Amino acid sequence: MNLDERVPGFAHGVRARRLDDGTVVLLVPEGIVNLNPTAAATVELFDGTRSCAAIAAELAARFAAPRESIAADVAGLADRLAARGWVFFSSDTPSNAMPSDEQPA
């Protein structure tokens, strides 16, 4: 499968949360992960329905940045989060995946 076609979603018990001050954190079973603004904008789009390519296209348009560069960043972040068990891809949905209809808004 082409890396851009992968569809990232959160594993069960993991979600992104925007705090009152506007910062975004990733709530994981082990605690809280503080996200920088770039990572926050990316993970907020990990809804289990959009591909990495679609996420990259949306972010490239939002930030007027080259899609190729954004696509590499999206894939890299998704891979790092997947390595920790916090994100899965539609092609390898684990038993602890959160169904897309339960994804946080």
N, C-alpha and C. Protein backbone atom coordinates (compact mmCIF):
# COMPACT_ATOMS: atom_id res chain seq x y z
N MET A 1 0.85 -1.18 0.00
CA MET A 1 0.00 0.00 0.00
C MET A 1 0.89 1.24 0.00
N ASN A 2 0.53 2.19 -0.83
CA ASN A 2 1.22 3.47 -0.87
C ASN A 2 1.07 4.14 0.50
N LEU A 3 2.17 4.70 1.01
CA LEU A 3 2.12 5.35 2.32
C LEU A 3 1.05 6.42 2.39
N ASP A 4 0.83 7.15 1.30
CA ASP A 4 -0.17 8.22 1.30
C ASP A 4 -1.59 7.69 1.37
N GLU A 5 -1.81 6.43 1.05
CA GLU A 5 -3.15 5.86 1.07
C GLU A 5 -3.54 5.35 2.45
N ARG A 6 -2.59 5.25 3.36
CA ARG A 6 -2.91 4.77 4.71
C ARG A 6 -3.85 5.74 5.40
N VAL A 7 -4.76 5.19 6.19
CA VAL A 7 -5.74 6.00 6.91
C VAL A 7 -5.47 5.87 8.40
N PRO A 8 -4.90 6.92 9.02
CA PRO A 8 -4.59 6.84 10.45
C PRO A 8 -5.81 7.10 11.33
N GLY A 9 -5.88 6.37 12.41
CA GLY A 9 -6.92 6.56 13.41
C GLY A 9 -6.33 6.27 14.77
N PHE A 10 -6.99 6.70 15.81
CA PHE A 10 -6.48 6.50 17.16
C PHE A 10 -6.82 5.11 17.68
N ALA A 11 -5.92 4.54 18.43
CA ALA A 11 -6.17 3.29 19.12
C ALA A 11 -7.16 3.55 20.27
N HIS A 12 -7.77 2.48 20.75
CA HIS A 12 -8.71 2.60 21.86
C HIS A 12 -8.03 3.27 23.05
N GLY A 13 -8.69 4.25 23.64
CA GLY A 13 -8.15 4.94 24.81
C GLY A 13 -7.24 6.11 24.48
N VAL A 14 -7.11 6.42 23.20
CA VAL A 14 -6.25 7.54 22.77
C VAL A 14 -7.13 8.55 22.05
N ARG A 15 -6.93 9.83 22.36
CA ARG A 15 -7.66 10.87 21.64
C ARG A 15 -6.93 12.20 21.76
N ALA A 16 -7.21 13.06 20.82
CA ALA A 16 -6.67 14.43 20.86
C ALA A 16 -7.69 15.28 21.58
N ARG A 17 -7.20 16.20 22.40
CA ARG A 17 -8.09 17.09 23.14
C ARG A 17 -7.55 18.51 23.08
N ARG A 18 -8.41 19.46 22.69
CA ARG A 18 -8.04 20.87 22.69
C ARG A 18 -8.39 21.43 24.06
N LEU A 19 -7.40 22.00 24.73
CA LEU A 19 -7.61 22.55 26.07
C LEU A 19 -8.17 23.96 25.98
N ASP A 20 -8.63 24.49 27.11
CA ASP A 20 -9.22 25.83 27.13
C ASP A 20 -8.29 26.90 26.61
N ASP A 21 -6.98 26.73 26.79
CA ASP A 21 -6.03 27.73 26.32
C ASP A 21 -5.67 27.57 24.84
N GLY A 22 -6.31 26.59 24.16
CA GLY A 22 -6.09 26.40 22.74
C GLY A 22 -5.02 25.38 22.39
N THR A 23 -4.23 24.95 23.37
CA THR A 23 -3.23 23.93 23.08
C THR A 23 -3.91 22.58 22.90
N VAL A 24 -3.25 21.71 22.17
CA VAL A 24 -3.80 20.38 21.92
C VAL A 24 -2.86 19.36 22.55
N VAL A 25 -3.45 18.41 23.25
CA VAL A 25 -2.69 17.32 23.85
C VAL A 25 -3.25 16.01 23.33
N LEU A 26 -2.42 14.99 23.41
CA LEU A 26 -2.84 13.65 23.07
C LEU A 26 -3.02 12.91 24.38
N LEU A 27 -4.23 12.45 24.64
CA LEU A 27 -4.51 11.68 25.84
C LEU A 27 -4.27 10.22 25.50
N VAL A 28 -3.33 9.61 26.21
CA VAL A 28 -2.95 8.22 25.98
C VAL A 28 -3.10 7.46 27.30
N PRO A 29 -3.18 6.14 27.25
CA PRO A 29 -3.35 5.39 28.50
C PRO A 29 -2.27 5.68 29.53
N GLU A 30 -1.06 6.00 29.09
CA GLU A 30 0.05 6.25 30.01
C GLU A 30 0.07 7.67 30.56
N GLY A 31 -0.74 8.57 29.99
CA GLY A 31 -0.75 9.95 30.45
C GLY A 31 -1.13 10.93 29.36
N ILE A 32 -0.44 12.05 29.35
CA ILE A 32 -0.73 13.14 28.41
C ILE A 32 0.52 13.46 27.63
N VAL A 33 0.37 13.65 26.31
CA VAL A 33 1.48 14.04 25.45
C VAL A 33 1.20 15.45 24.95
N ASN A 34 2.08 16.39 25.28
CA ASN A 34 1.94 17.75 24.78
C ASN A 34 2.37 17.79 23.33
N LEU A 35 1.58 18.44 22.49
CA LEU A 35 1.87 18.52 21.06
C LEU A 35 2.24 19.93 20.66
N ASN A 36 3.20 20.05 19.75
CA ASN A 36 3.49 21.37 19.20
C ASN A 36 2.37 21.71 18.21
N PRO A 37 2.26 22.96 17.78
CA PRO A 37 1.15 23.35 16.91
C PRO A 37 1.06 22.55 15.61
N THR A 38 2.20 22.19 15.04
CA THR A 38 2.20 21.43 13.79
C THR A 38 1.64 20.03 14.02
N ALA A 39 2.11 19.36 15.06
CA ALA A 39 1.61 18.02 15.38
C ALA A 39 0.13 18.08 15.75
N ALA A 40 -0.26 19.12 16.46
CA ALA A 40 -1.66 19.28 16.86
C ALA A 40 -2.57 19.39 15.64
N ALA A 41 -2.19 20.23 14.69
CA ALA A 41 -2.99 20.40 13.47
C ALA A 41 -3.11 19.08 12.72
N THR A 42 -2.07 18.28 12.77
CA THR A 42 -2.06 17.00 12.07
C THR A 42 -2.93 15.97 12.77
N VAL A 43 -2.71 15.74 14.05
CA VAL A 43 -3.46 14.67 14.75
C VAL A 43 -4.94 14.98 14.87
N GLU A 44 -5.30 16.25 14.84
CA GLU A 44 -6.73 16.58 14.87
C GLU A 44 -7.44 16.07 13.62
N LEU A 45 -6.69 15.74 12.59
CA LEU A 45 -7.27 15.21 11.36
C LEU A 45 -7.20 13.69 11.28
N PHE A 46 -6.62 13.04 12.29
CA PHE A 46 -6.55 11.57 12.33
C PHE A 46 -7.90 11.04 12.82
N ASP A 47 -8.86 10.99 11.92
CA ASP A 47 -10.21 10.60 12.32
C ASP A 47 -10.61 9.20 11.87
N GLY A 48 -9.67 8.46 11.28
CA GLY A 48 -9.98 7.11 10.83
C GLY A 48 -10.72 7.06 9.51
N THR A 49 -10.92 8.21 8.86
CA THR A 49 -11.60 8.24 7.57
C THR A 49 -10.75 8.90 6.49
N ARG A 50 -9.86 9.80 6.86
CA ARG A 50 -9.03 10.51 5.89
C ARG A 50 -7.69 9.82 5.72
N SER A 51 -7.23 9.75 4.49
CA SER A 51 -5.91 9.17 4.22
C SER A 51 -4.82 10.18 4.57
N CYS A 52 -3.61 9.68 4.69
CA CYS A 52 -2.47 10.58 4.92
C CYS A 52 -2.38 11.61 3.80
N ALA A 53 -2.67 11.20 2.55
CA ALA A 53 -2.63 12.12 1.42
C ALA A 53 -3.68 13.23 1.57
N ALA A 54 -4.88 12.86 2.01
CA ALA A 54 -5.94 13.86 2.20
C ALA A 54 -5.59 14.81 3.33
N ILE A 55 -5.01 14.28 4.40
CA ILE A 55 -4.58 15.12 5.53
C ILE A 55 -3.50 16.09 5.06
N ALA A 56 -2.52 15.58 4.30
CA ALA A 56 -1.44 16.42 3.80
C ALA A 56 -1.98 17.51 2.88
N ALA A 57 -2.92 17.16 2.02
CA ALA A 57 -3.50 18.16 1.11
C ALA A 57 -4.22 19.26 1.89
N GLU A 58 -4.97 18.87 2.91
CA GLU A 58 -5.68 19.86 3.72
C GLU A 58 -4.71 20.78 4.45
N LEU A 59 -3.67 20.20 5.04
CA LEU A 59 -2.69 21.02 5.77
C LEU A 59 -1.88 21.89 4.81
N ALA A 60 -1.55 21.39 3.63
CA ALA A 60 -0.80 22.17 2.65
C ALA A 60 -1.61 23.39 2.21
N ALA A 61 -2.91 23.20 2.02
CA ALA A 61 -3.78 24.32 1.65
C ALA A 61 -3.92 25.31 2.81
N ARG A 62 -4.08 24.78 4.01
CA ARG A 62 -4.27 25.63 5.19
C ARG A 62 -3.05 26.50 5.47
N PHE A 63 -1.86 25.92 5.29
CA PHE A 63 -0.63 26.63 5.64
C PHE A 63 0.17 27.09 4.43
N ALA A 64 -0.38 26.96 3.22
CA ALA A 64 0.29 27.36 1.99
C ALA A 64 1.71 26.83 1.94
N ALA A 65 1.83 25.53 2.14
CA ALA A 65 3.13 24.86 2.16
C ALA A 65 3.14 23.78 1.09
N PRO A 66 4.34 23.35 0.65
CA PRO A 66 4.43 22.31 -0.37
C PRO A 66 3.84 20.98 0.12
N ARG A 67 2.94 20.42 -0.67
CA ARG A 67 2.27 19.19 -0.28
C ARG A 67 3.24 18.04 -0.04
N GLU A 68 4.30 17.94 -0.84
CA GLU A 68 5.26 16.85 -0.69
C GLU A 68 5.94 16.90 0.68
N SER A 69 6.30 18.10 1.11
CA SER A 69 6.95 18.27 2.41
C SER A 69 5.98 17.93 3.55
N ILE A 70 4.76 18.42 3.42
CA ILE A 70 3.73 18.16 4.42
C ILE A 70 3.42 16.66 4.47
N ALA A 71 3.35 16.01 3.31
CA ALA A 71 3.04 14.58 3.25
C ALA A 71 4.10 13.77 4.00
N ALA A 72 5.36 14.14 3.85
CA ALA A 72 6.43 13.44 4.56
C ALA A 72 6.29 13.64 6.07
N ASP A 73 5.93 14.85 6.48
CA ASP A 73 5.75 15.13 7.91
C ASP A 73 4.56 14.36 8.49
N VAL A 74 3.45 14.32 7.75
CA VAL A 74 2.26 13.59 8.21
C VAL A 74 2.60 12.11 8.37
N ALA A 75 3.24 11.52 7.36
CA ALA A 75 3.59 10.10 7.42
C ALA A 75 4.56 9.83 8.57
N GLY A 76 5.53 10.72 8.75
CA GLY A 76 6.50 10.53 9.83
C GLY A 76 5.86 10.58 11.20
N LEU A 77 4.98 11.54 11.42
CA LEU A 77 4.29 11.64 12.71
C LEU A 77 3.40 10.42 12.93
N ALA A 78 2.65 10.05 11.91
CA ALA A 78 1.77 8.88 12.04
C ALA A 78 2.58 7.63 12.36
N ASP A 79 3.72 7.47 11.71
CA ASP A 79 4.57 6.30 11.97
C ASP A 79 5.11 6.30 13.40
N ARG A 80 5.53 7.47 13.89
CA ARG A 80 6.05 7.54 15.26
C ARG A 80 4.96 7.23 16.28
N LEU A 81 3.76 7.73 16.05
CA LEU A 81 2.66 7.46 16.97
C LEU A 81 2.22 6.00 16.88
N ALA A 82 2.26 5.43 15.68
CA ALA A 82 1.90 4.02 15.51
C ALA A 82 2.93 3.12 16.21
N ALA A 83 4.18 3.51 16.17
CA ALA A 83 5.23 2.72 16.83
C ALA A 83 4.99 2.64 18.34
N ARG A 84 4.33 3.64 18.90
CA ARG A 84 4.01 3.65 20.33
C ARG A 84 2.67 2.97 20.63
N GLY A 85 1.96 2.58 19.56
CA GLY A 85 0.67 1.92 19.74
C GLY A 85 -0.49 2.87 19.91
N TRP A 86 -0.28 4.15 19.61
CA TRP A 86 -1.33 5.14 19.81
C TRP A 86 -2.16 5.39 18.56
N VAL A 87 -1.62 5.02 17.41
CA VAL A 87 -2.30 5.22 16.13
C VAL A 87 -2.22 3.90 15.38
N PHE A 88 -3.25 3.60 14.61
CA PHE A 88 -3.26 2.44 13.73
C PHE A 88 -3.60 2.94 12.33
N PHE A 89 -3.38 2.11 11.36
CA PHE A 89 -3.74 2.43 9.98
C PHE A 89 -4.85 1.49 9.54
N SER A 90 -5.73 1.96 8.69
CA SER A 90 -6.90 1.17 8.29
C SER A 90 -6.52 -0.22 7.80
N SER A 91 -5.35 -0.36 7.19
CA SER A 91 -4.96 -1.66 6.66
C SER A 91 -4.49 -2.63 7.74
N ASP A 92 -4.21 -2.12 8.95
CA ASP A 92 -3.75 -3.00 10.03
C ASP A 92 -4.45 -2.69 11.34
N THR A 93 -5.76 -2.53 11.28
CA THR A 93 -6.56 -2.18 12.44
C THR A 93 -6.41 -3.23 13.54
N PRO A 94 -5.88 -2.84 14.70
CA PRO A 94 -5.73 -3.79 15.80
C PRO A 94 -7.03 -3.97 16.58
N SER A 95 -7.04 -4.94 17.47
CA SER A 95 -8.23 -5.21 18.25
C SER A 95 -8.55 -4.06 19.21
N ASN A 96 -7.55 -3.20 19.50
CA ASN A 96 -7.81 -2.09 20.43
C ASN A 96 -8.14 -0.80 19.69
N ALA A 97 -8.45 -0.88 18.40
CA ALA A 97 -8.78 0.32 17.63
C ALA A 97 -10.13 0.86 18.06
N MET A 98 -10.23 2.18 18.03
CA MET A 98 -11.49 2.83 18.34
C MET A 98 -12.32 2.89 17.05
N PRO A 99 -13.55 2.37 17.04
CA PRO A 99 -14.38 2.47 15.84
C PRO A 99 -14.52 3.92 15.41
N SER A 100 -14.56 4.16 14.10
CA SER A 100 -14.59 5.53 13.59
C SER A 100 -15.79 6.32 14.09
N ASP A 101 -16.91 5.64 14.40
CA ASP A 101 -18.06 6.37 14.90
C ASP A 101 -17.89 6.80 16.36
N GLU A 102 -16.81 6.34 17.01
CA GLU A 102 -16.52 6.78 18.38
C GLU A 102 -15.36 7.75 18.43
N GLN A 103 -14.82 8.15 17.26
CA GLN A 103 -13.69 9.07 17.24
C GLN A 103 -14.14 10.41 17.83
N PRO A 104 -13.27 11.04 18.61
CA PRO A 104 -13.62 12.35 19.17
C PRO A 104 -13.72 13.39 18.08
N ALA A 105 -14.54 14.36 18.31
CA ALA A 105 -14.72 15.44 17.34
C ALA A 105 -13.63 16.46 17.43
